[in-house]
């Protein structure tokens, strides 16, 4: 059988401070 698949992705983040980061 064959369950193989692929994904394209984009990841981004912003460091508000050196300790706090938000991303998507």
PDBML (XML) file of the C-alpha atoms, coordinates in Angstrom:
<?xml version="1.0" encoding="UTF-8" ?>
<PDBx:datablock datablockName="MODEL"
   xmlns:PDBx="http://pdbml.pdb.org/schema/pdbx-v50.xsd"
   xmlns:xsi="http://www.w3.org/2001/XMLSchema-instance"
   xsi:schemaLocation="http://pdbml.pdb.org/schema/pdbx-v50.xsd pdbx-v50.xsd">
   <PDBx:atom_siteCategory>
      <PDBx:atom_site id="1">
         <PDBx:B_iso_or_equiv>0.00</PDBx:B_iso_or_equiv>
         <PDBx:Cartn_x>0.000</PDBx:Cartn_x>
         <PDBx:Cartn_y>0.000</PDBx:Cartn_y>
         <PDBx:Cartn_z>0.000</PDBx:Cartn_z>
         <PDBx:auth_asym_id>A</PDBx:auth_asym_id>
         <PDBx:auth_atom_id>CA</PDBx:auth_atom_id>
         <PDBx:auth_comp_id>UNK</PDBx:auth_comp_id>
         <PDBx:auth_seq_id>1</PDBx:auth_seq_id>
         <PDBx:group_PDB>ATOM</PDBx:group_PDB>
         <PDBx:label_alt_id xsi:nil="true" />
         <PDBx:label_asym_id>A</PDBx:label_asym_id>
         <PDBx:label_atom_id>CA</PDBx:label_atom_id>
         <PDBx:label_comp_id>UNK</PDBx:label_comp_id>
         <PDBx:label_entity_id>1</PDBx:label_entity_id>
         <PDBx:label_seq_id>1</PDBx:label_seq_id>
         <PDBx:occupancy>1.00</PDBx:occupancy>
         <PDBx:pdbx_PDB_model_num>1</PDBx:pdbx_PDB_model_num>
         <PDBx:type_symbol>C</PDBx:type_symbol>
      </PDBx:atom_site>
      <PDBx:atom_site id="2">
         <PDBx:B_iso_or_equiv>0.00</PDBx:B_iso_or_equiv>
         <PDBx:Cartn_x>1.058</PDBx:Cartn_x>
         <PDBx:Cartn_y>3.638</PDBx:Cartn_y>
         <PDBx:Cartn_z>-0.246</PDBx:Cartn_z>
         <PDBx:auth_asym_id>A</PDBx:auth_asym_id>
         <PDBx:auth_atom_id>CA</PDBx:auth_atom_id>
         <PDBx:auth_comp_id>UNK</PDBx:auth_comp_id>
         <PDBx:auth_seq_id>2</PDBx:auth_seq_id>
         <PDBx:group_PDB>ATOM</PDBx:group_PDB>
         <PDBx:label_alt_id xsi:nil="true" />
         <PDBx:label_asym_id>A</PDBx:label_asym_id>
         <PDBx:label_atom_id>CA</PDBx:label_atom_id>
         <PDBx:label_comp_id>UNK</PDBx:label_comp_id>
         <PDBx:label_entity_id>1</PDBx:label_entity_id>
         <PDBx:label_seq_id>2</PDBx:label_seq_id>
         <PDBx:occupancy>1.00</PDBx:occupancy>
         <PDBx:pdbx_PDB_model_num>1</PDBx:pdbx_PDB_model_num>
         <PDBx:type_symbol>C</PDBx:type_symbol>
      </PDBx:atom_site>
      <PDBx:atom_site id="3">
         <PDBx:B_iso_or_equiv>0.00</PDBx:B_iso_or_equiv>
         <PDBx:Cartn_x>0.279</PDBx:Cartn_x>
         <PDBx:Cartn_y>6.435</PDBx:Cartn_y>
         <PDBx:Cartn_z>2.204</PDBx:Cartn_z>
         <PDBx:auth_asym_id>A</PDBx:auth_asym_id>
         <PDBx:auth_atom_id>CA</PDBx:auth_atom_id>
         <PDBx:auth_comp_id>UNK</PDBx:auth_comp_id>
         <PDBx:auth_seq_id>3</PDBx:auth_seq_id>
         <PDBx:group_PDB>ATOM</PDBx:group_PDB>
         <PDBx:label_alt_id xsi:nil="true" />
         <PDBx:label_asym_id>A</PDBx:label_asym_id>
         <PDBx:label_atom_id>CA</PDBx:label_atom_id>
         <PDBx:label_comp_id>UNK</PDBx:label_comp_id>
         <PDBx:label_entity_id>1</PDBx:label_entity_id>
         <PDBx:label_seq_id>3</PDBx:label_seq_id>
         <PDBx:occupancy>1.00</PDBx:occupancy>
         <PDBx:pdbx_PDB_model_num>1</PDBx:pdbx_PDB_model_num>
         <PDBx:type_symbol>C</PDBx:type_symbol>
      </PDBx:atom_site>
      <PDBx:atom_site id="4">
         <PDBx:B_iso_or_equiv>0.00</PDBx:B_iso_or_equiv>
         <PDBx:Cartn_x>3.159</PDBx:Cartn_x>
         <PDBx:Cartn_y>8.674</PDBx:Cartn_y>
         <PDBx:Cartn_z>1.114</PDBx:Cartn_z>
         <PDBx:auth_asym_id>A</PDBx:auth_asym_id>
         <PDBx:auth_atom_id>CA</PDBx:auth_atom_id>
         <PDBx:auth_comp_id>UNK</PDBx:auth_comp_id>
         <PDBx:auth_seq_id>4</PDBx:auth_seq_id>
         <PDBx:group_PDB>ATOM</PDBx:group_PDB>
         <PDBx:label_alt_id xsi:nil="true" />
         <PDBx:label_asym_id>A</PDBx:label_asym_id>
         <PDBx:label_atom_id>CA</PDBx:label_atom_id>
         <PDBx:label_comp_id>UNK</PDBx:label_comp_id>
         <PDBx:label_entity_id>1</PDBx:label_entity_id>
         <PDBx:label_seq_id>4</PDBx:label_seq_id>
         <PDBx:occupancy>1.00</PDBx:occupancy>
         <PDBx:pdbx_PDB_model_num>1</PDBx:pdbx_PDB_model_num>
         <PDBx:type_symbol>C</PDBx:type_symbol>
      </PDBx:atom_site>
      <PDBx:atom_site id="5">
         <PDBx:B_iso_or_equiv>0.00</PDBx:B_iso_or_equiv>
         <PDBx:Cartn_x>2.371</PDBx:Cartn_x>
         <PDBx:Cartn_y>12.368</PDBx:Cartn_y>
         <PDBx:Cartn_z>0.721</PDBx:Cartn_z>
         <PDBx:auth_asym_id>A</PDBx:auth_asym_id>
         <PDBx:auth_atom_id>CA</PDBx:auth_atom_id>
         <PDBx:auth_comp_id>UNK</PDBx:auth_comp_id>
         <PDBx:auth_seq_id>5</PDBx:auth_seq_id>
         <PDBx:group_PDB>ATOM</PDBx:group_PDB>
         <PDBx:label_alt_id xsi:nil="true" />
         <PDBx:label_asym_id>A</PDBx:label_asym_id>
         <PDBx:label_atom_id>CA</PDBx:label_atom_id>
         <PDBx:label_comp_id>UNK</PDBx:label_comp_id>
         <PDBx:label_entity_id>1</PDBx:label_entity_id>
         <PDBx:label_seq_id>5</PDBx:label_seq_id>
         <PDBx:occupancy>1.00</PDBx:occupancy>
         <PDBx:pdbx_PDB_model_num>1</PDBx:pdbx_PDB_model_num>
         <PDBx:type_symbol>C</PDBx:type_symbol>
      </PDBx:atom_site>
      <PDBx:atom_site id="6">
         <PDBx:B_iso_or_equiv>0.00</PDBx:B_iso_or_equiv>
         <PDBx:Cartn_x>4.093</PDBx:Cartn_x>
         <PDBx:Cartn_y>15.771</PDBx:Cartn_y>
         <PDBx:Cartn_z>0.695</PDBx:Cartn_z>
         <PDBx:auth_asym_id>A</PDBx:auth_asym_id>
         <PDBx:auth_atom_id>CA</PDBx:auth_atom_id>
         <PDBx:auth_comp_id>UNK</PDBx:auth_comp_id>
         <PDBx:auth_seq_id>6</PDBx:auth_seq_id>
         <PDBx:group_PDB>ATOM</PDBx:group_PDB>
         <PDBx:label_alt_id xsi:nil="true" />
         <PDBx:label_asym_id>A</PDBx:label_asym_id>
         <PDBx:label_atom_id>CA</PDBx:label_atom_id>
         <PDBx:label_comp_id>UNK</PDBx:label_comp_id>
         <PDBx:label_entity_id>1</PDBx:label_entity_id>
         <PDBx:label_seq_id>6</PDBx:label_seq_id>
         <PDBx:occupancy>1.00</PDBx:occupancy>
         <PDBx:pdbx_PDB_model_num>1</PDBx:pdbx_PDB_model_num>
         <PDBx:type_symbol>C</PDBx:type_symbol>
      </PDBx:atom_site>
      <PDBx:atom_site id="7">
         <PDBx:B_iso_or_equiv>0.00</PDBx:B_iso_or_equiv>
         <PDBx:Cartn_x>3.504</PDBx:Cartn_x>
         <PDBx:Cartn_y>19.223</PDBx:Cartn_y>
         <PDBx:Cartn_z>2.133</PDBx:Cartn_z>
         <PDBx:auth_asym_id>A</PDBx:auth_asym_id>
         <PDBx:auth_atom_id>CA</PDBx:auth_atom_id>
         <PDBx:auth_comp_id>UNK</PDBx:auth_comp_id>
         <PDBx:auth_seq_id>7</PDBx:auth_seq_id>
         <PDBx:group_PDB>ATOM</PDBx:group_PDB>
         <PDBx:label_alt_id xsi:nil="true" />
         <PDBx:label_asym_id>A</PDBx:label_asym_id>
         <PDBx:label_atom_id>CA</PDBx:label_atom_id>
         <PDBx:label_comp_id>UNK</PDBx:label_comp_id>
         <PDBx:label_entity_id>1</PDBx:label_entity_id>
         <PDBx:label_seq_id>7</PDBx:label_seq_id>
         <PDBx:occupancy>1.00</PDBx:occupancy>
         <PDBx:pdbx_PDB_model_num>1</PDBx:pdbx_PDB_model_num>
         <PDBx:type_symbol>C</PDBx:type_symbol>
      </PDBx:atom_site>
      <PDBx:atom_site id="8">
         <PDBx:B_iso_or_equiv>0.00</PDBx:B_iso_or_equiv>
         <PDBx:Cartn_x>4.768</PDBx:Cartn_x>
         <PDBx:Cartn_y>22.689</PDBx:Cartn_y>
         <PDBx:Cartn_z>1.242</PDBx:Cartn_z>
         <PDBx:auth_asym_id>A</PDBx:auth_asym_id>
         <PDBx:auth_atom_id>CA</PDBx:auth_atom_id>
         <PDBx:auth_comp_id>UNK</PDBx:auth_comp_id>
         <PDBx:auth_seq_id>8</PDBx:auth_seq_id>
         <PDBx:group_PDB>ATOM</PDBx:group_PDB>
         <PDBx:label_alt_id xsi:nil="true" />
         <PDBx:label_asym_id>A</PDBx:label_asym_id>
         <PDBx:label_atom_id>CA</PDBx:label_atom_id>
         <PDBx:label_comp_id>UNK</PDBx:label_comp_id>
         <PDBx:label_entity_id>1</PDBx:label_entity_id>
         <PDBx:label_seq_id>8</PDBx:label_seq_id>
         <PDBx:occupancy>1.00</PDBx:occupancy>
         <PDBx:pdbx_PDB_model_num>1</PDBx:pdbx_PDB_model_num>
         <PDBx:type_symbol>C</PDBx:type_symbol>
      </PDBx:atom_site>
      <PDBx:atom_site id="9">
         <PDBx:B_iso_or_equiv>0.00</PDBx:B_iso_or_equiv>
         <PDBx:Cartn_x>5.233</PDBx:Cartn_x>
         <PDBx:Cartn_y>24.979</PDBx:Cartn_y>
         <PDBx:Cartn_z>4.216</PDBx:Cartn_z>
         <PDBx:auth_asym_id>A</PDBx:auth_asym_id>
         <PDBx:auth_atom_id>CA</PDBx:auth_atom_id>
         <PDBx:auth_comp_id>UNK</PDBx:auth_comp_id>
         <PDBx:auth_seq_id>9</PDBx:auth_seq_id>
         <PDBx:group_PDB>ATOM</PDBx:group_PDB>
         <PDBx:label_alt_id xsi:nil="true" />
         <PDBx:label_asym_id>A</PDBx:label_asym_id>
         <PDBx:label_atom_id>CA</PDBx:label_atom_id>
         <PDBx:label_comp_id>UNK</PDBx:label_comp_id>
         <PDBx:label_entity_id>1</PDBx:label_entity_id>
         <PDBx:label_seq_id>9</PDBx:label_seq_id>
         <PDBx:occupancy>1.00</PDBx:occupancy>
         <PDBx:pdbx_PDB_model_num>1</PDBx:pdbx_PDB_model_num>
         <PDBx:type_symbol>C</PDBx:type_symbol>
      </PDBx:atom_site>
      <PDBx:atom_site id="10">
         <PDBx:B_iso_or_equiv>0.00</PDBx:B_iso_or_equiv>
         <PDBx:Cartn_x>5.895</PDBx:Cartn_x>
         <PDBx:Cartn_y>28.543</PDBx:Cartn_y>
         <PDBx:Cartn_z>5.332</PDBx:Cartn_z>
         <PDBx:auth_asym_id>A</PDBx:auth_asym_id>
         <PDBx:auth_atom_id>CA</PDBx:auth_atom_id>
         <PDBx:auth_comp_id>UNK</PDBx:auth_comp_id>
         <PDBx:auth_seq_id>10</PDBx:auth_seq_id>
         <PDBx:group_PDB>ATOM</PDBx:group_PDB>
         <PDBx:label_alt_id xsi:nil="true" />
         <PDBx:label_asym_id>A</PDBx:label_asym_id>
         <PDBx:label_atom_id>CA</PDBx:label_atom_id>
         <PDBx:label_comp_id>UNK</PDBx:label_comp_id>
         <PDBx:label_entity_id>1</PDBx:label_entity_id>
         <PDBx:label_seq_id>10</PDBx:label_seq_id>
         <PDBx:occupancy>1.00</PDBx:occupancy>
         <PDBx:pdbx_PDB_model_num>1</PDBx:pdbx_PDB_model_num>
         <PDBx:type_symbol>C</PDBx:type_symbol>
      </PDBx:atom_site>
      <PDBx:atom_site id="11">
         <PDBx:B_iso_or_equiv>0.00</PDBx:B_iso_or_equiv>
         <PDBx:Cartn_x>6.961</PDBx:Cartn_x>
         <PDBx:Cartn_y>29.347</PDBx:Cartn_y>
         <PDBx:Cartn_z>8.888</PDBx:Cartn_z>
         <PDBx:auth_asym_id>A</PDBx:auth_asym_id>
         <PDBx:auth_atom_id>CA</PDBx:auth_atom_id>
         <PDBx:auth_comp_id>UNK</PDBx:auth_comp_id>
         <PDBx:auth_seq_id>11</PDBx:auth_seq_id>
         <PDBx:group_PDB>ATOM</PDBx:group_PDB>
         <PDBx:label_alt_id xsi:nil="true" />
         <PDBx:label_asym_id>A</PDBx:label_asym_id>
         <PDBx:label_atom_id>CA</PDBx:label_atom_id>
         <PDBx:label_comp_id>UNK</PDBx:label_comp_id>
         <PDBx:label_entity_id>1</PDBx:label_entity_id>
         <PDBx:label_seq_id>11</PDBx:label_seq_id>
         <PDBx:occupancy>1.00</PDBx:occupancy>
         <PDBx:pdbx_PDB_model_num>1</PDBx:pdbx_PDB_model_num>
         <PDBx:type_symbol>C</PDBx:type_symbol>
      </PDBx:atom_site>
      <PDBx:atom_site id="12">
         <PDBx:B_iso_or_equiv>0.00</PDBx:B_iso_or_equiv>
         <PDBx:Cartn_x>7.436</PDBx:Cartn_x>
         <PDBx:Cartn_y>32.840</PDBx:Cartn_y>
         <PDBx:Cartn_z>10.271</PDBx:Cartn_z>
         <PDBx:auth_asym_id>A</PDBx:auth_asym_id>
         <PDBx:auth_atom_id>CA</PDBx:auth_atom_id>
         <PDBx:auth_comp_id>UNK</PDBx:auth_comp_id>
         <PDBx:auth_seq_id>12</PDBx:auth_seq_id>
         <PDBx:group_PDB>ATOM</PDBx:group_PDB>
         <PDBx:label_alt_id xsi:nil="true" />
         <PDBx:label_asym_id>A</PDBx:label_asym_id>
         <PDBx:label_atom_id>CA</PDBx:label_atom_id>
         <PDBx:label_comp_id>UNK</PDBx:label_comp_id>
         <PDBx:label_entity_id>1</PDBx:label_entity_id>
         <PDBx:label_seq_id>12</PDBx:label_seq_id>
         <PDBx:occupancy>1.00</PDBx:occupancy>
         <PDBx:pdbx_PDB_model_num>1</PDBx:pdbx_PDB_model_num>
         <PDBx:type_symbol>C</PDBx:type_symbol>
      </PDBx:atom_site>
      <PDBx:atom_site id="13">
         <PDBx:B_iso_or_equiv>0.00</PDBx:B_iso_or_equiv>
         <PDBx:Cartn_x>8.157</PDBx:Cartn_x>
         <PDBx:Cartn_y>34.290</PDBx:Cartn_y>
         <PDBx:Cartn_z>13.698</PDBx:Cartn_z>
         <PDBx:auth_asym_id>A</PDBx:auth_asym_id>
         <PDBx:auth_atom_id>CA</PDBx:auth_atom_id>
         <PDBx:auth_comp_id>UNK</PDBx:auth_comp_id>
         <PDBx:auth_seq_id>13</PDBx:auth_seq_id>
         <PDBx:group_PDB>ATOM</PDBx:group_PDB>
         <PDBx:label_alt_id xsi:nil="true" />
         <PDBx:label_asym_id>A</PDBx:label_asym_id>
         <PDBx:label_atom_id>CA</PDBx:label_atom_id>
         <PDBx:label_comp_id>UNK</PDBx:label_comp_id>
         <PDBx:label_entity_id>1</PDBx:label_entity_id>
         <PDBx:label_seq_id>13</PDBx:label_seq_id>
         <PDBx:occupancy>1.00</PDBx:occupancy>
         <PDBx:pdbx_PDB_model_num>1</PDBx:pdbx_PDB_model_num>
         <PDBx:type_symbol>C</PDBx:type_symbol>
      </PDBx:atom_site>
      <PDBx:atom_site id="14">
         <PDBx:B_iso_or_equiv>0.00</PDBx:B_iso_or_equiv>
         <PDBx:Cartn_x>8.763</PDBx:Cartn_x>
         <PDBx:Cartn_y>37.628</PDBx:Cartn_y>
         <PDBx:Cartn_z>15.399</PDBx:Cartn_z>
         <PDBx:auth_asym_id>A</PDBx:auth_asym_id>
         <PDBx:auth_atom_id>CA</PDBx:auth_atom_id>
         <PDBx:auth_comp_id>UNK</PDBx:auth_comp_id>
         <PDBx:auth_seq_id>14</PDBx:auth_seq_id>
         <PDBx:group_PDB>ATOM</PDBx:group_PDB>
         <PDBx:label_alt_id xsi:nil="true" />
         <PDBx:label_asym_id>A</PDBx:label_asym_id>
         <PDBx:label_atom_id>CA</PDBx:label_atom_id>
         <PDBx:label_comp_id>UNK</PDBx:label_comp_id>
         <PDBx:label_entity_id>1</PDBx:label_entity_id>
         <PDBx:label_seq_id>14</PDBx:label_seq_id>
         <PDBx:occupancy>1.00</PDBx:occupancy>
         <PDBx:pdbx_PDB_model_num>1</PDBx:pdbx_PDB_model_num>
         <PDBx:type_symbol>C</PDBx:type_symbol>
      </PDBx:atom_site>
      <PDBx:atom_site id="15">
         <PDBx:B_iso_or_equiv>0.00</PDBx:B_iso_or_equiv>
         <PDBx:Cartn_x>10.852</PDBx:Cartn_x>
         <PDBx:Cartn_y>38.076</PDBx:Cartn_y>
         <PDBx:Cartn_z>18.546</PDBx:Cartn_z>
         <PDBx:auth_asym_id>A</PDBx:auth_asym_id>
         <PDBx:auth_atom_id>CA</PDBx:auth_atom_id>
         <PDBx:auth_comp_id>UNK</PDBx:auth_comp_id>
         <PDBx:auth_seq_id>15</PDBx:auth_seq_id>
         <PDBx:group_PDB>ATOM</PDBx:group_PDB>
         <PDBx:label_alt_id xsi:nil="true" />
         <PDBx:label_asym_id>A</PDBx:label_asym_id>
         <PDBx:label_atom_id>CA</PDBx:label_atom_id>
         <PDBx:label_comp_id>UNK</PDBx:label_comp_id>
         <PDBx:label_entity_id>1</PDBx:label_entity_id>
         <PDBx:label_seq_id>15</PDBx:label_seq_id>
         <PDBx:occupancy>1.00</PDBx:occupancy>
         <PDBx:pdbx_PDB_model_num>1</PDBx:pdbx_PDB_model_num>
         <PDBx:type_symbol>C</PDBx:type_symbol>
      </PDBx:atom_site>
      <PDBx:atom_site id="16">
         <PDBx:B_iso_or_equiv>0.00</PDBx:B_iso_or_equiv>
         <PDBx:Cartn_x>9.104</PDBx:Cartn_x>
         <PDBx:Cartn_y>40.785</PDBx:Cartn_y>
         <PDBx:Cartn_z>20.563</PDBx:Cartn_z>
         <PDBx:auth_asym_id>A</PDBx:auth_asym_id>
         <PDBx:auth_atom_id>CA</PDBx:auth_atom_id>
         <PDBx:auth_comp_id>UNK</PDBx:auth_comp_id>
         <PDBx:auth_seq_id>16</PDBx:auth_seq_id>
         <PDBx:group_PDB>ATOM</PDBx:group_PDB>
         <PDBx:label_alt_id xsi:nil="true" />
         <PDBx:label_asym_id>A</PDBx:label_asym_id>
         <PDBx:label_atom_id>CA</PDBx:label_atom_id>
         <PDBx:label_comp_id>UNK</PDBx:label_comp_id>
         <PDBx:label_entity_id>1</PDBx:label_entity_id>
         <PDBx:label_seq_id>16</PDBx:label_seq_id>
         <PDBx:occupancy>1.00</PDBx:occupancy>
         <PDBx:pdbx_PDB_model_num>1</PDBx:pdbx_PDB_model_num>
         <PDBx:type_symbol>C</PDBx:type_symbol>
      </PDBx:atom_site>
      <PDBx:atom_site id="17">
         <PDBx:B_iso_or_equiv>0.00</PDBx:B_iso_or_equiv>
         <PDBx:Cartn_x>11.959</PDBx:Cartn_x>
         <PDBx:Cartn_y>40.545</PDBx:Cartn_y>
         <PDBx:Cartn_z>23.067</PDBx:Cartn_z>
         <PDBx:auth_asym_id>A</PDBx:auth_asym_id>
         <PDBx:auth_atom_id>CA</PDBx:auth_atom_id>
         <PDBx:auth_comp_id>UNK</PDBx:auth_comp_id>
         <PDBx:auth_seq_id>17</PDBx:auth_seq_id>
         <PDBx:group_PDB>ATOM</PDBx:group_PDB>
         <PDBx:label_alt_id xsi:nil="true" />
         <PDBx:label_asym_id>A</PDBx:label_asym_id>
         <PDBx:label_atom_id>CA</PDBx:label_atom_id>
         <PDBx:label_comp_id>UNK</PDBx:label_comp_id>
         <PDBx:label_entity_id>1</PDBx:label_entity_id>
         <PDBx:label_seq_id>17</PDBx:label_seq_id>
         <PDBx:occupancy>1.00</PDBx:occupancy>
         <PDBx:pdbx_PDB_model_num>1</PDBx:pdbx_PDB_model_num>
         <PDBx:type_symbol>C</PDBx:type_symbol>
      </PDBx:atom_site>
      <PDBx:atom_site id="18">
         <PDBx:B_iso_or_equiv>0.00</PDBx:B_iso_or_equiv>
         <PDBx:Cartn_x>14.935</PDBx:Cartn_x>
         <PDBx:Cartn_y>38.158</PDBx:Cartn_y>
         <PDBx:Cartn_z>23.269</PDBx:Cartn_z>
         <PDBx:auth_asym_id>A</PDBx:auth_asym_id>
         <PDBx:auth_atom_id>CA</PDBx:auth_atom_id>
         <PDBx:auth_comp_id>UNK</PDBx:auth_comp_id>
         <PDBx:auth_seq_id>18</PDBx:auth_seq_id>
         <PDBx:group_PDB>ATOM</PDBx:group_PDB>
         <PDBx:label_alt_id xsi:nil="true" />
         <PDBx:label_asym_id>A</PDBx:label_asym_id>
         <PDBx:label_atom_id>CA</PDBx:label_atom_id>
         <PDBx:label_comp_id>UNK</PDBx:label_comp_id>
         <PDBx:label_entity_id>1</PDBx:label_entity_id>
         <PDBx:label_seq_id>18</PDBx:label_seq_id>
         <PDBx:occupancy>1.00</PDBx:occupancy>
         <PDBx:pdbx_PDB_model_num>1</PDBx:pdbx_PDB_model_num>
         <PDBx:type_symbol>C</PDBx:type_symbol>
      </PDBx:atom_site>
      <PDBx:atom_site id="19">
         <PDBx:B_iso_or_equiv>0.00</PDBx:B_iso_or_equiv>
         <PDBx:Cartn_x>12.756</PDBx:Cartn_x>
         <PDBx:Cartn_y>36.009</PDBx:Cartn_y>
         <PDBx:Cartn_z>25.541</PDBx:Cartn_z>
         <PDBx:auth_asym_id>A</PDBx:auth_asym_id>
         <PDBx:auth_atom_id>CA</PDBx:auth_atom_id>
         <PDBx:auth_comp_id>UNK</PDBx:auth_comp_id>
         <PDBx:auth_seq_id>19</PDBx:auth_seq_id>
         <PDBx:group_PDB>ATOM</PDBx:group_PDB>
         <PDBx:label_alt_id xsi:nil="true" />
         <PDBx:label_asym_id>A</PDBx:label_asym_id>
         <PDBx:label_atom_id>CA</PDBx:label_atom_id>
         <PDBx:label_comp_id>UNK</PDBx:label_comp_id>
         <PDBx:label_entity_id>1</PDBx:label_entity_id>
         <PDBx:label_seq_id>19</PDBx:label_seq_id>
         <PDBx:occupancy>1.00</PDBx:occupancy>
         <PDBx:pdbx_PDB_model_num>1</PDBx:pdbx_PDB_model_num>
         <PDBx:type_symbol>C</PDBx:type_symbol>
      </PDBx:atom_site>
      <PDBx:atom_site id="20">
         <PDBx:B_iso_or_equiv>0.00</PDBx:B_iso_or_equiv>
         <PDBx:Cartn_x>9.301</PDBx:Cartn_x>
         <PDBx:Cartn_y>36.256</PDBx:Cartn_y>
         <PDBx:Cartn_z>23.914</PDBx:Cartn_z>
         <PDBx:auth_asym_id>A</PDBx:auth_asym_id>
         <PDBx:auth_atom_id>CA</PDBx:auth_atom_id>
         <PDBx:auth_comp_id>UNK</PDBx:auth_comp_id>
         <PDBx:auth_seq_id>20</PDBx:auth_seq_id>
         <PDBx:group_PDB>ATOM</PDBx:group_PDB>
         <PDBx:label_alt_id xsi:nil="true" />
         <PDBx:label_asym_id>A</PDBx:label_asym_id>
         <PDBx:label_atom_id>CA</PDBx:label_atom_id>
         <PDBx:label_comp_id>UNK</PDBx:label_comp_id>
         <PDBx:label_entity_id>1</PDBx:label_entity_id>
         <PDBx:label_seq_id>20</PDBx:label_seq_id>
         <PDBx:occupancy>1.00</PDBx:occupancy>
         <PDBx:pdbx_PDB_model_num>1</PDBx:pdbx_PDB_model_num>
         <PDBx:type_symbol>C</PDBx:type_symbol>
      </PDBx:atom_site>
      <PDBx:atom_site id="21">
         <PDBx:B_iso_or_equiv>0.00</PDBx:B_iso_or_equiv>
         <PDBx:Cartn_x>8.542</PDBx:Cartn_x>
         <PDBx:Cartn_y>35.068</PDBx:Cartn_y>
         <PDBx:Cartn_z>20.372</PDBx:Cartn_z>
         <PDBx:auth_asym_id>A</PDBx:auth_asym_id>
         <PDBx:auth_atom_id>CA</PDBx:auth_atom_id>
         <PDBx:auth_comp_id>UNK</PDBx:auth_comp_id>
         <PDBx:auth_seq_id>21</PDBx:auth_seq_id>
         <PDBx:group_PDB>ATOM</PDBx:group_PDB>
         <PDBx:label_alt_id xsi:nil="true" />
         <PDBx:label_asym_id>A</PDBx:label_asym_id>
         <PDBx:label_atom_id>CA</PDBx:label_atom_id>
         <PDBx:label_comp_id>UNK</PDBx:label_comp_id>
         <PDBx:label_entity_id>1</PDBx:label_entity_id>
         <PDBx:label_seq_id>21</PDBx:label_seq_id>
         <PDBx:occupancy>1.00</PDBx:occupancy>
         <PDBx:pdbx_PDB_model_num>1</PDBx:pdbx_PDB_model_num>
         <PDBx:type_symbol>C</PDBx:type_symbol>
      </PDBx:atom_site>
      <PDBx:atom_site id="22">
         <PDBx:B_iso_or_equiv>0.00</PDBx:B_iso_or_equiv>
         <PDBx:Cartn_x>5.288</PDBx:Cartn_x>
         <PDBx:Cartn_y>34.736</PDBx:Cartn_y>
         <PDBx:Cartn_z>18.429</PDBx:Cartn_z>
         <PDBx:auth_asym_id>A</PDBx:auth_asym_id>
         <PDBx:auth_atom_id>CA</PDBx:auth_atom_id>
         <PDBx:auth_comp_id>UNK</PDBx:auth_comp_id>
         <PDBx:auth_seq_id>22</PDBx:auth_seq_id>
         <PDBx:group_PDB>ATOM</PDBx:group_PDB>
         <PDBx:label_alt_id xsi:nil="true" />
         <PDBx:label_asym_id>A</PDBx:label_asym_id>
         <PDBx:label_atom_id>CA</PDBx:label_atom_id>
         <PDBx:label_comp_id>UNK</PDBx:label_comp_id>
         <PDBx:label_entity_id>1</PDBx:label_entity_id>
         <PDBx:label_seq_id>22</PDBx:label_seq_id>
         <PDBx:occupancy>1.00</PDBx:occupancy>
         <PDBx:pdbx_PDB_model_num>1</PDBx:pdbx_PDB_model_num>
         <PDBx:type_symbol>C</PDBx:type_symbol>
      </PDBx:atom_site>
      <PDBx:atom_site id="23">
         <PDBx:B_iso_or_equiv>0.00</PDBx:B_iso_or_equiv>
         <PDBx:Cartn_x>4.972</PDBx:Cartn_x>
         <PDBx:Cartn_y>32.765</PDBx:Cartn_y>
         <PDBx:Cartn_z>15.202</PDBx:Cartn_z>
         <PDBx:auth_asym_id>A</PDBx:auth_asym_id>
         <PDBx:auth_atom_id>CA</PDBx:auth_atom_id>
         <PDBx:auth_comp_id>UNK</PDBx:auth_comp_id>
         <PDBx:auth_seq_id>23</PDBx:auth_seq_id>
         <PDBx:group_PDB>ATOM</PDBx:group_PDB>
         <PDBx:label_alt_id xsi:nil="true" />
         <PDBx:label_asym_id>A</PDBx:label_asym_id>
         <PDBx:label_atom_id>CA</PDBx:label_atom_id>
         <PDBx:label_comp_id>UNK</PDBx:label_comp_id>
         <PDBx:label_entity_id>1</PDBx:label_entity_id>
         <PDBx:label_seq_id>23</PDBx:label_seq_id>
         <PDBx:occupancy>1.00</PDBx:occupancy>
         <PDBx:pdbx_PDB_model_num>1</PDBx:pdbx_PDB_model_num>
         <PDBx:type_symbol>C</PDBx:type_symbol>
      </PDBx:atom_site>
      <PDBx:atom_site id="24">
         <PDBx:B_iso_or_equiv>0.00</PDBx:B_iso_or_equiv>
         <PDBx:Cartn_x>2.735</PDBx:Cartn_x>
         <PDBx:Cartn_y>31.343</PDBx:Cartn_y>
         <PDBx:Cartn_z>12.538</PDBx:Cartn_z>
         <PDBx:auth_asym_id>A</PDBx:auth_asym_id>
         <PDBx:auth_atom_id>CA</PDBx:auth_atom_id>
         <PDBx:auth_comp_id>UNK</PDBx:auth_comp_id>
         <PDBx:auth_seq_id>24</PDBx:auth_seq_id>
         <PDBx:group_PDB>ATOM</PDBx:group_PDB>
         <PDBx:label_alt_id xsi:nil="true" />
         <PDBx:label_asym_id>A</PDBx:label_asym_id>
         <PDBx:label_atom_id>CA</PDBx:label_atom_id>
         <PDBx:label_comp_id>UNK</PDBx:label_comp_id>
         <PDBx:label_entity_id>1</PDBx:label_entity_id>
         <PDBx:label_seq_id>24</PDBx:label_seq_id>
         <PDBx:occupancy>1.00</PDBx:occupancy>
         <PDBx:pdbx_PDB_model_num>1</PDBx:pdbx_PDB_model_num>
         <PDBx:type_symbol>C</PDBx:type_symbol>
      </PDBx:atom_site>
   </PDBx:atom_siteCategory>
</PDBx:datablock>
